[in-house]
């Protein structure tokens, strides 16, 4: 699990310079390093030359997050995670994640958008459930015009949101990949973990529990 240390001090005390130097040294030692920058200011530009977050990235940080009153921005290296894994890892609290792109994503429903017949992808990709286009005469059960965003939103709501019955109780990710588990196993895991946590000195009402397990690498025989 990740260790945490924070550098504190007044504005212009040299925190950013020191943090960048420390990040660079830790990277030389072979460590993966993330930086979380906290600020009370609003309207901060992220990852542009001269900004603190740009300096952190330039120093070699693997991931940089900005936390400000009006925004929270995360930039991290591409780990080739699937859209499904990205959604479950970084946005577990939302009702739906909308992707843009990811045309090769497996087992992901897709709404195809095109302006002319030469742009159609349905013959190349799987999972197209609807089309948005101003091209006339496009066949299909769910074909929307490009100015029908409201209708598309209602389609998404009906297809994915109104049919949900409380969602998953337990989600399992192994090596970043979501593993489907049956409802009764979800309930069993949730009950076991919640029961264990309740035996600890924890006074707050429990609404959600997150566990991350990192196993030691197994030694190869021979």
Protein backbone atom coordinates (compact mmCIF):
# COMPACT_ATOMS: atom_id res chain seq x y z
CA UNK A 1 0.00 0.00 0.00
CA UNK A 2 1.10 3.54 -0.65
CA UNK A 3 2.90 5.45 2.09
CA UNK A 4 1.98 9.13 2.50
CA UNK A 5 4.07 12.18 3.45
CA UNK A 6 3.10 15.83 2.99
CA UNK A 7 5.25 18.96 2.65
CA UNK A 8 3.65 21.98 4.31
CA UNK A 9 4.53 25.68 4.63
CA UNK A 10 3.44 29.18 3.71
CA UNK A 11 2.98 30.32 0.13
CA UNK A 12 6.34 30.94 -1.60
CA UNK A 13 8.15 29.02 1.12
CA UNK A 14 9.77 26.78 -1.47
CA UNK A 15 7.49 23.75 -1.05
CA UNK A 16 7.01 23.12 -4.74
CA UNK A 17 10.72 23.39 -5.52
CA UNK A 18 11.60 20.99 -2.73
CA UNK A 19 8.81 18.56 -3.60
CA UNK A 20 10.00 18.47 -7.23
CA UNK A 21 13.56 17.80 -6.11
CA UNK A 22 12.44 15.01 -3.80
CA UNK A 23 10.27 13.50 -6.53
CA UNK A 24 13.24 13.47 -8.89
CA UNK A 25 15.43 11.77 -6.29
CA UNK A 26 12.82 9.13 -5.48
CA UNK A 27 12.44 8.40 -9.18
CA UNK A 28 16.21 7.93 -9.45
CA UNK A 29 15.86 5.31 -6.72
CA UNK A 30 13.33 3.47 -8.82
CA UNK A 31 10.12 4.32 -6.96
CA UNK A 32 6.71 5.14 -8.42
CA UNK A 33 5.68 8.57 -7.15
CA UNK A 34 2.37 10.44 -7.15
CA UNK A 35 1.92 14.07 -6.10
CA UNK A 36 -1.31 15.56 -4.77
CA UNK A 37 -1.31 19.36 -4.82
CA UNK A 38 -3.78 21.14 -2.54
CA UNK A 39 -4.77 24.77 -3.07
CA UNK A 40 -7.35 27.21 -1.74
CA UNK A 41 -7.36 29.12 -5.03
CA UNK A 42 -9.94 28.72 -7.77
CA UNK A 43 -9.53 28.79 -11.52
CA UNK A 44 -6.08 27.22 -11.41
CA UNK A 45 -4.66 26.06 -14.73
CA UNK A 46 -3.52 22.46 -14.65
CA UNK A 47 -0.32 21.09 -16.17
CA UNK A 48 0.62 24.18 -18.16
CA UNK A 49 4.21 25.53 -18.18
CA UNK A 50 5.00 27.44 -15.01
CA UNK A 51 2.29 25.87 -12.85
CA UNK A 52 3.15 23.74 -9.84
CA UNK A 53 1.47 20.68 -11.34
CA UNK A 54 3.55 21.08 -14.50
CA UNK A 55 6.70 21.23 -12.38
CA UNK A 56 5.67 18.09 -10.50
CA UNK A 57 5.15 16.21 -13.75
CA UNK A 58 8.39 17.58 -15.17
CA UNK A 59 10.20 16.33 -12.05
CA UNK A 60 9.13 12.81 -12.94
CA UNK A 61 5.98 12.18 -10.90
CA UNK A 62 4.05 9.22 -12.29
CA UNK A 63 0.69 10.74 -11.32
CA UNK A 64 -0.33 14.29 -10.38
CA UNK A 65 -3.60 15.40 -8.80
CA UNK A 66 -4.79 18.94 -8.15
CA UNK A 67 -7.37 19.42 -5.38
CA UNK A 68 -8.92 22.92 -5.28
CA UNK A 69 -12.27 24.32 -4.09
CA UNK A 70 -13.66 24.35 -7.62
CA UNK A 71 -11.99 21.32 -9.18
CA UNK A 72 -10.09 18.09 -8.73
CA UNK A 73 -7.96 16.97 -11.67
CA UNK A 74 -5.95 13.77 -12.00
CA UNK A 75 -3.25 13.15 -14.57
CA UNK A 76 -1.54 9.78 -14.61
CA UNK A 77 0.32 7.52 -16.99
CA UNK A 78 -1.62 5.35 -19.39
CA UNK A 79 -1.70 1.84 -17.92
CA UNK A 80 -3.68 0.44 -20.86
CA UNK A 81 -6.67 -0.15 -18.60
CA UNK A 82 -10.00 -0.90 -20.22
CA UNK A 83 -12.82 1.64 -20.18
CA UNK A 84 -14.71 -0.61 -17.76
CA UNK A 85 -11.75 -0.77 -15.37
CA UNK A 86 -11.16 2.99 -15.57
CA UNK A 87 -14.81 3.62 -14.75
CA UNK A 88 -14.90 1.27 -11.78
CA UNK A 89 -11.53 2.34 -10.38
CA UNK A 90 -11.85 6.12 -10.62
CA UNK A 91 -15.61 6.77 -10.65
CA UNK A 92 -17.21 4.19 -8.34
CA UNK A 93 -19.74 6.67 -6.91
CA UNK A 94 -21.48 7.85 -10.08
CA UNK A 95 -24.53 6.27 -11.65
CA UNK A 96 -23.11 6.14 -15.16
CA UNK A 97 -19.79 6.87 -16.86
CA UNK A 98 -19.92 8.27 -20.39
CA UNK A 99 -16.91 7.49 -22.53
CA UNK A 100 -15.79 9.37 -25.60
CA UNK A 101 -13.87 7.24 -28.06
CA UNK A 102 -12.96 3.70 -26.96
CA UNK A 103 -14.45 2.28 -30.15
CA UNK A 104 -12.61 -1.02 -29.59
CA UNK A 105 -13.77 -1.41 -25.98
CA UNK A 106 -15.13 -4.91 -25.51
CA UNK A 107 -18.59 -5.51 -24.06
CA UNK A 108 -19.32 -1.77 -23.85
CA UNK A 109 -22.57 -0.44 -25.39
CA UNK A 110 -21.84 2.30 -27.91
CA UNK A 111 -23.77 5.15 -29.54
CA UNK A 112 -22.34 5.85 -32.97
CA UNK A 113 -22.16 9.46 -34.17
CA UNK A 114 -21.49 10.32 -37.80
CA UNK A 115 -22.13 13.09 -40.31
CA UNK A 116 -21.98 11.10 -43.55
CA UNK A 117 -22.18 7.50 -44.64
CA UNK A 118 -18.41 7.27 -45.15
CA UNK A 119 -17.88 7.68 -41.39
CA UNK A 120 -19.96 4.73 -40.24
CA UNK A 121 -18.22 2.26 -37.93
CA UNK A 122 -20.94 -0.31 -37.30
CA UNK A 123 -19.33 -2.81 -39.65
CA UNK A 124 -16.02 -2.54 -37.80
CA UNK A 125 -16.99 -2.48 -34.12
CA UNK A 126 -19.31 -4.38 -31.83
CA UNK A 127 -21.92 -3.12 -29.41
CA UNK A 128 -23.55 -0.23 -31.29
CA UNK A 129 -26.98 0.21 -29.67
CA UNK A 130 -28.00 3.55 -31.21
CA UNK A 131 -27.00 6.10 -33.84
CA UNK A 132 -26.86 9.90 -33.80
CA UNK A 133 -26.73 11.49 -37.25
CA UNK A 134 -28.42 13.96 -39.56
CA UNK A 135 -28.03 11.59 -42.51
CA UNK A 136 -31.45 10.66 -43.83
CA UNK A 137 -32.69 7.09 -44.20
CA UNK A 138 -30.36 5.41 -41.71
CA UNK A 139 -31.92 2.09 -40.67
CA UNK A 140 -32.21 1.02 -37.05
CA UNK A 141 -34.51 1.01 -34.05
CA UNK A 142 -32.76 3.85 -32.24
CA UNK A 143 -31.67 6.60 -34.63
CA UNK A 144 -31.41 10.15 -33.29
CA UNK A 145 -30.62 13.49 -34.89
CA UNK A 146 -27.54 15.35 -33.73
CA UNK A 147 -29.74 18.00 -32.06
CA UNK A 148 -31.64 15.41 -30.00
CA UNK A 149 -29.38 15.33 -26.97
CA UNK A 150 -32.38 15.33 -24.63
CA UNK A 151 -33.88 12.32 -26.39
CA UNK A 152 -30.55 10.51 -26.26
CA UNK A 153 -30.26 11.22 -22.54
CA UNK A 154 -33.73 9.81 -21.97
CA UNK A 155 -32.76 6.74 -24.02
CA UNK A 156 -29.71 6.24 -21.82
CA UNK A 157 -31.80 6.71 -18.69
CA UNK A 158 -34.36 4.13 -19.78
CA UNK A 159 -31.76 1.66 -20.99
CA UNK A 160 -29.27 1.83 -18.13
CA UNK A 161 -30.63 3.69 -15.12
CA UNK A 162 -34.32 3.07 -14.47
CA UNK A 163 -33.79 -0.69 -14.61
CA UNK A 164 -31.15 -0.66 -11.90
CA UNK A 165 -32.20 -2.11 -8.55
CA UNK A 166 -29.74 -0.51 -6.18
CA UNK A 167 -26.67 -1.55 -8.17
CA UNK A 168 -23.94 -3.87 -7.01
CA UNK A 169 -23.37 -4.45 -3.33
CA UNK A 170 -19.79 -5.60 -3.87
CA UNK A 171 -17.41 -4.98 -6.77
CA UNK A 172 -14.28 -7.07 -7.26
CA UNK A 173 -11.27 -5.91 -9.29
CA UNK A 174 -8.30 -8.25 -9.80
CA UNK A 175 -5.18 -6.75 -11.43
CA UNK A 176 -7.36 -3.83 -12.50
CA UNK A 177 -9.95 -6.01 -14.23
CA UNK A 178 -13.50 -6.20 -12.93
CA UNK A 179 -14.56 -9.73 -12.09
CA UNK A 180 -18.31 -10.47 -12.27
CA UNK A 181 -19.62 -12.15 -9.11
CA UNK A 182 -23.06 -13.50 -8.41
CA UNK A 183 -25.45 -11.57 -6.19
CA UNK A 184 -25.38 -14.05 -3.30
CA UNK A 185 -21.56 -13.93 -3.27
CA UNK A 186 -21.70 -10.13 -3.25
CA UNK A 187 -23.95 -10.27 -0.20
CA UNK A 188 -21.73 -12.82 1.54
CA UNK A 189 -18.56 -10.79 0.95
CA UNK A 190 -20.21 -7.56 2.04
CA UNK A 191 -21.55 -9.15 5.21
CA UNK A 192 -18.21 -10.75 6.11
CA UNK A 193 -16.18 -7.57 5.61
CA UNK A 194 -18.75 -5.35 7.36
CA UNK A 195 -18.85 -7.74 10.31
CA UNK A 196 -15.07 -7.60 10.65
CA UNK A 197 -14.97 -3.80 10.45
CA UNK A 198 -17.66 -3.51 13.13
CA UNK A 199 -15.36 -5.33 15.57
CA UNK A 200 -12.78 -2.54 15.21
CA UNK A 201 -12.78 0.74 17.11
CA UNK A 202 -14.82 2.58 14.51
CA UNK A 203 -17.64 4.83 15.72
CA UNK A 204 -18.90 6.35 12.48
CA UNK A 205 -21.86 4.88 10.64
CA UNK A 206 -20.58 2.54 7.94
CA UNK A 207 -21.93 3.25 4.46
CA UNK A 208 -19.16 1.97 2.22
CA UNK A 209 -15.97 -0.05 2.69
CA UNK A 210 -13.01 -0.20 0.31
CA UNK A 211 -10.28 -2.83 0.53
CA UNK A 212 -7.15 -3.10 -1.61
CA UNK A 213 -4.99 -6.21 -1.27
CA UNK A 214 -1.49 -6.47 -2.74
CA UNK A 215 -0.04 -9.96 -2.65
CA UNK A 216 3.67 -10.65 -2.38
CA UNK A 217 5.12 -11.98 -5.65
CA UNK A 218 5.36 -15.75 -5.73
CA UNK A 219 8.82 -17.25 -6.09
CA UNK A 220 9.41 -19.18 -9.28
CA UNK A 221 10.47 -22.77 -8.82
CA UNK A 222 13.83 -23.87 -10.09
